[in-house]
Amino acid sequence: MAGAGIVIGVFGLVFYLFILLLPVALLVALQVWLCRKSTRLGLILPGISLALSLLLTLSLAAFGAVHGGIVTGGANYVGPNGQEVPAQTGAEERVEVEFHPRTLIVAGVVFLVSNIPTAVFGGIWLHYKGRRDTLGDLKRMQIEDLE
């Protein structure tokens, strides 16, 4: 009976890999189709991918810092020891925003990892652009040879 569990586990793994890789394969096929249609259309997916990776990286960098602000009178806030402290009426307190170097390192790693699709889509675009340029050069050479 242990063999049946292994077989089901293998089929489950194959099924989950299929579910994960199907959208990736469809996006790559879409990129190839767009690049074959036009050089400009081939820039859509790399542009979207770059914009999403920048959005993710900037939001991580913005929210990765310890946030603070101005606490005005009448509002309660959490003090440094974790207790809720009532603010004094009419008083303002400024809370400093700290930026840690590890936030920059994490943002850099997230930027690099989230730009993997941008590099793949850009590579496909460069391949088809180079191919189209080469075919255009060959056509020009044939026309010049005929003249």
C-alpha atoms as a PDB file:
ATOM      1  CA  MET A   1       0.000   0.000   0.000  1.00  0.00           C
ATOM      2  CA  ALA A   2       2.932   2.352   0.464  1.00  0.00           C
ATOM      3  CA  GLY A   3       3.528   2.254  -3.302  1.00  0.00           C
ATOM      4  CA  ALA A   4       0.062   3.713  -3.951  1.00  0.00           C
ATOM      5  CA  GLY A   5       0.841   6.705  -1.736  1.00  0.00           C
ATOM      6  CA  ILE A   6       4.040   7.389  -3.647  1.00  0.00           C
ATOM      7  CA  VAL A   7       2.238   7.188  -6.998  1.00  0.00           C
ATOM      8  CA  ILE A   8      -0.438   9.603  -5.800  1.00  0.00           C
ATOM      9  CA  GLY A   9       2.276  11.904  -4.457  1.00  0.00           C
ATOM     10  CA  VAL A  10       4.113  11.878  -7.793  1.00  0.00           C
ATOM     11  CA  PHE A  11       0.925  12.589  -9.735  1.00  0.00           C
ATOM     12  CA  GLY A  12       0.048  15.357  -7.267  1.00  0.00           C
ATOM     13  CA  LEU A  13       3.479  16.910  -7.762  1.00  0.00           C
ATOM     14  CA  VAL A  14       3.146  16.740 -11.545  1.00  0.00           C
ATOM     15  CA  PHE A  15      -0.334  18.266 -11.307  1.00  0.00           C
ATOM     16  CA  TYR A  16       0.843  21.181  -9.131  1.00  0.00           C
ATOM     17  CA  LEU A  17       3.854  21.804 -11.374  1.00  0.00           C
ATOM     18  CA  PHE A  18       1.495  21.866 -14.357  1.00  0.00           C
ATOM     19  CA  ILE A  19      -0.764  24.357 -12.585  1.00  0.00           C
ATOM     20  CA  LEU A  20       2.242  26.585 -11.775  1.00  0.00           C
ATOM     21  CA  LEU A  21       3.974  26.383 -15.149  1.00  0.00           C
ATOM     22  CA  LEU A  22       0.915  26.726 -17.390  1.00  0.00           C
ATOM     23  CA  PRO A  23       0.515  30.513 -16.841  1.00  0.00           C
ATOM     24  CA  VAL A  24       4.249  30.999 -17.392  1.00  0.00           C
ATOM     25  CA  ALA A  25       4.113  29.066 -20.668  1.00  0.00           C
ATOM     26  CA  LEU A  26       1.049  31.024 -21.787  1.00  0.00           C
ATOM     27  CA  LEU A  27       2.749  34.353 -21.055  1.00  0.00           C
ATOM     28  CA  VAL A  28       5.866  33.296 -22.992  1.00  0.00           C
ATOM     29  CA  ALA A  29       3.677  32.180 -25.911  1.00  0.00           C
ATOM     30  CA  LEU A  30       1.846  35.529 -25.785  1.00  0.00           C
ATOM     31  CA  GLN A  31       5.180  37.381 -25.834  1.00  0.00           C
ATOM     32  CA  VAL A  32       6.355  35.383 -28.866  1.00  0.00           C
ATOM     33  CA  TRP A  33       3.066  36.071 -30.644  1.00  0.00           C
ATOM     34  CA  LEU A  34       3.257  39.799 -29.883  1.00  0.00           C
ATOM     35  CA  CYS A  35       6.871  39.985 -31.081  1.00  0.00           C
ATOM     36  CA  ARG A  36       5.970  38.258 -34.343  1.00  0.00           C
ATOM     37  CA  LYS A  37       3.157  40.742 -34.922  1.00  0.00           C
ATOM     38  CA  SER A  38       5.168  43.910 -34.337  1.00  0.00           C
ATOM     39  CA  THR A  39       8.309  45.171 -32.661  1.00  0.00           C
ATOM     40  CA  ARG A  40       6.313  47.713 -30.675  1.00  0.00           C
ATOM     41  CA  LEU A  41       3.715  45.195 -29.517  1.00  0.00           C
ATOM     42  CA  GLY A  42       6.546  43.052 -28.185  1.00  0.00           C
ATOM     43  CA  LEU A  43       7.400  45.777 -25.681  1.00  0.00           C
ATOM     44  CA  ILE A  44       4.039  45.549 -23.879  1.00  0.00           C
ATOM     45  CA  LEU A  45       4.798  42.626 -21.570  1.00  0.00           C
ATOM     46  CA  PRO A  46       8.345  43.749 -20.662  1.00  0.00           C
ATOM     47  CA  GLY A  47       6.961  47.216 -19.869  1.00  0.00           C
ATOM     48  CA  ILE A  48       4.177  45.837 -17.675  1.00  0.00           C
ATOM     49  CA  SER A  49       6.612  43.517 -15.928  1.00  0.00           C
ATOM     50  CA  LEU A  50       9.069  46.348 -15.275  1.00  0.00           C
ATOM     51  CA  ALA A  51       6.317  48.619 -13.957  1.00  0.00           C
ATOM     52  CA  LEU A  52       5.043  45.933 -11.583  1.00  0.00           C
ATOM     53  CA  SER A  53       8.530  45.176 -10.295  1.00  0.00           C
ATOM     54  CA  LEU A  54       9.185  48.886  -9.683  1.00  0.00           C
ATOM     55  CA  LEU A  55       5.853  49.190  -7.874  1.00  0.00           C
ATOM     56  CA  LEU A  56       6.663  46.183  -5.708  1.00  0.00           C
ATOM     57  CA  THR A  57      10.175  47.413  -4.930  1.00  0.00           C
ATOM     58  CA  LEU A  58       9.157  50.977  -4.140  1.00  0.00           C
ATOM     59  CA  SER A  59       6.277  49.878  -1.938  1.00  0.00           C
ATOM     60  CA  LEU A  60       8.606  47.524  -0.076  1.00  0.00           C
ATOM     61  CA  ALA A  61      11.160  50.314   0.398  1.00  0.00           C
ATOM     62  CA  ALA A  62       8.482  52.775   1.505  1.00  0.00           C
ATOM     63  CA  PHE A  63       6.787  50.472   3.976  1.00  0.00           C
ATOM     64  CA  GLY A  64       9.991  48.749   5.064  1.00  0.00           C
ATOM     65  CA  ALA A  65      11.130  51.820   6.955  1.00  0.00           C
ATOM     66  CA  VAL A  66       9.778  52.297  10.452  1.00  0.00           C
ATOM     67  CA  HIS A  67       6.974  54.755   9.864  1.00  0.00           C
ATOM     68  CA  GLY A  68       6.100  57.647  12.045  1.00  0.00           C
ATOM     69  CA  GLY A  69       4.210  60.850  11.816  1.00  0.00           C
ATOM     70  CA  ILE A  70       2.608  63.533  13.879  1.00  0.00           C
ATOM     71  CA  VAL A  71       0.372  62.472  16.718  1.00  0.00           C
ATOM     72  CA  THR A  72      -2.090  65.228  17.505  1.00  0.00           C
ATOM     73  CA  GLY A  73      -4.061  65.835  20.651  1.00  0.00           C
ATOM     74  CA  GLY A  74      -6.988  63.602  21.431  1.00  0.00           C
ATOM     75  CA  ALA A  75      -5.553  60.551  19.683  1.00  0.00           C
ATOM     76  CA  ASN A  76      -4.055  57.604  21.466  1.00  0.00           C
ATOM     77  CA  TYR A  77      -0.870  56.037  20.204  1.00  0.00           C
ATOM     78  CA  VAL A  78       1.299  53.060  21.033  1.00  0.00           C
ATOM     79  CA  GLY A  79       4.366  53.977  23.029  1.00  0.00           C
ATOM     80  CA  PRO A  80       7.842  52.488  22.722  1.00  0.00           C
ATOM     81  CA  ASN A  81       7.092  49.740  25.256  1.00  0.00           C
ATOM     82  CA  GLY A  82       3.951  48.620  23.409  1.00  0.00           C
ATOM     83  CA  GLN A  83       1.384  50.206  25.732  1.00  0.00           C
ATOM     84  CA  GLU A  84      -1.324  52.517  24.509  1.00  0.00           C
ATOM     85  CA  VAL A  85      -0.586  56.033  25.690  1.00  0.00           C
ATOM     86  CA  PRO A  86      -3.213  58.793  25.580  1.00  0.00           C
ATOM     87  CA  ALA A  87      -1.928  61.943  23.927  1.00  0.00           C
ATOM     88  CA  GLN A  88      -2.204  65.265  25.718  1.00  0.00           C
ATOM     89  CA  THR A  89      -4.781  67.656  24.407  1.00  0.00           C
ATOM     90  CA  GLY A  90      -3.228  70.237  22.096  1.00  0.00           C
ATOM     91  CA  ALA A  91       0.187  68.594  22.237  1.00  0.00           C
ATOM     92  CA  GLU A  92       2.053  67.301  19.226  1.00  0.00           C
ATOM     93  CA  GLU A  93       4.762  64.696  19.176  1.00  0.00           C
ATOM     94  CA  ARG A  94       6.998  63.975  16.242  1.00  0.00           C
ATOM     95  CA  VAL A  95       8.008  60.401  15.654  1.00  0.00           C
ATOM     96  CA  GLU A  96      11.194  59.878  13.679  1.00  0.00           C
ATOM     97  CA  VAL A  97      11.308  57.657  10.610  1.00  0.00           C
ATOM     98  CA  GLU A  98      14.250  55.280  10.624  1.00  0.00           C
ATOM     99  CA  PHE A  99      15.722  53.764   7.498  1.00  0.00           C
ATOM    100  CA  HIS A 100      17.730  50.611   7.945  1.00  0.00           C
ATOM    101  CA  PRO A 101      20.439  49.552   5.447  1.00  0.00           C
ATOM    102  CA  ARG A 102      18.943  46.067   5.357  1.00  0.00           C
ATOM    103  CA  THR A 103      15.809  47.599   3.834  1.00  0.00           C
ATOM    104  CA  LEU A 104      17.922  48.794   0.901  1.00  0.00           C
ATOM    105  CA  ILE A 105      19.496  45.363   0.518  1.00  0.00           C
ATOM    106  CA  VAL A 106      16.120  43.632   0.622  1.00  0.00           C
ATOM    107  CA  ALA A 107      14.703  46.144  -1.878  1.00  0.00           C
ATOM    108  CA  GLY A 108      17.636  45.444  -4.227  1.00  0.00           C
ATOM    109  CA  VAL A 109      17.132  41.697  -4.015  1.00  0.00           C
ATOM    110  CA  VAL A 110      13.374  42.052  -4.558  1.00  0.00           C
ATOM    111  CA  PHE A 111      14.055  44.299  -7.563  1.00  0.00           C
ATOM    112  CA  LEU A 112      16.415  41.747  -9.114  1.00  0.00           C
ATOM    113  CA  VAL A 113      14.140  38.781  -8.492  1.00  0.00           C
ATOM    114  CA  SER A 114      10.990  40.553  -9.652  1.00  0.00           C
ATOM    115  CA  ASN A 115      12.728  41.586 -12.881  1.00  0.00           C
ATOM    116  CA  ILE A 116      13.393  38.000 -13.994  1.00  0.00           C
ATOM    117  CA  PRO A 117      10.223  38.034 -16.148  1.00  0.00           C
ATOM    118  CA  THR A 118      11.286  41.411 -17.552  1.00  0.00           C
ATOM    119  CA  ALA A 119      14.622  39.911 -18.609  1.00  0.00           C
ATOM    120  CA  VAL A 120      12.926  36.878 -20.176  1.00  0.00           C
ATOM    121  CA  PHE A 121      10.380  38.961 -22.080  1.00  0.00           C
ATOM    122  CA  GLY A 122      13.085  41.438 -23.090  1.00  0.00           C
ATOM    123  CA  GLY A 123      15.290  38.607 -24.333  1.00  0.00           C
ATOM    124  CA  ILE A 124      12.472  37.259 -26.486  1.00  0.00           C
ATOM    125  CA  TRP A 125      11.881  40.769 -27.832  1.00  0.00           C
ATOM    126  CA  LEU A 126      15.578  41.250 -28.628  1.00  0.00           C
ATOM    127  CA  HIS A 127      15.695  37.893 -30.412  1.00  0.00           C
ATOM    128  CA  TYR A 128      12.785  38.761 -32.697  1.00  0.00           C
ATOM    129  CA  LYS A 129      14.009  42.325 -33.217  1.00  0.00           C
ATOM    130  CA  GLY A 130      17.438  41.059 -34.250  1.00  0.00           C
ATOM    131  CA  ARG A 131      15.848  38.508 -36.530  1.00  0.00           C
ATOM    132  CA  ARG A 132      13.632  41.155 -38.129  1.00  0.00           C
ATOM    133  CA  ASP A 133      16.622  43.501 -38.593  1.00  0.00           C
ATOM    134  CA  THR A 134      18.662  40.724 -40.210  1.00  0.00           C
ATOM    135  CA  LEU A 135      15.856  39.857 -42.614  1.00  0.00           C
ATOM    136  CA  GLY A 136      15.477  43.558 -43.488  1.00  0.00           C
ATOM    137  CA  ASP A 137      19.204  43.808 -44.210  1.00  0.00           C
ATOM    138  CA  LEU A 138      19.031  40.715 -46.426  1.00  0.00           C
ATOM    139  CA  LYS A 139      16.130  42.230 -48.385  1.00  0.00           C
ATOM    140  CA  ARG A 140      18.086  45.452 -48.890  1.00  0.00           C
ATOM    141  CA  MET A 141      21.125  43.515 -50.078  1.00  0.00           C
ATOM    142  CA  GLN A 142      19.019  41.527 -52.566  1.00  0.00           C
ATOM    143  CA  ILE A 143      17.472  44.739 -53.910  1.00  0.00           C
ATOM    144  CA  GLU A 144      20.936  46.301 -54.278  1.00  0.00           C
ATOM    145  CA  ASP A 145      22.183  43.193 -56.087  1.00  0.00           C
ATOM    146  CA  LEU A 146      19.291  43.385 -58.541  1.00  0.00           C
ATOM    147  CA  GLU A 147      20.043  46.994 -59.432  1.00  0.00           C
END
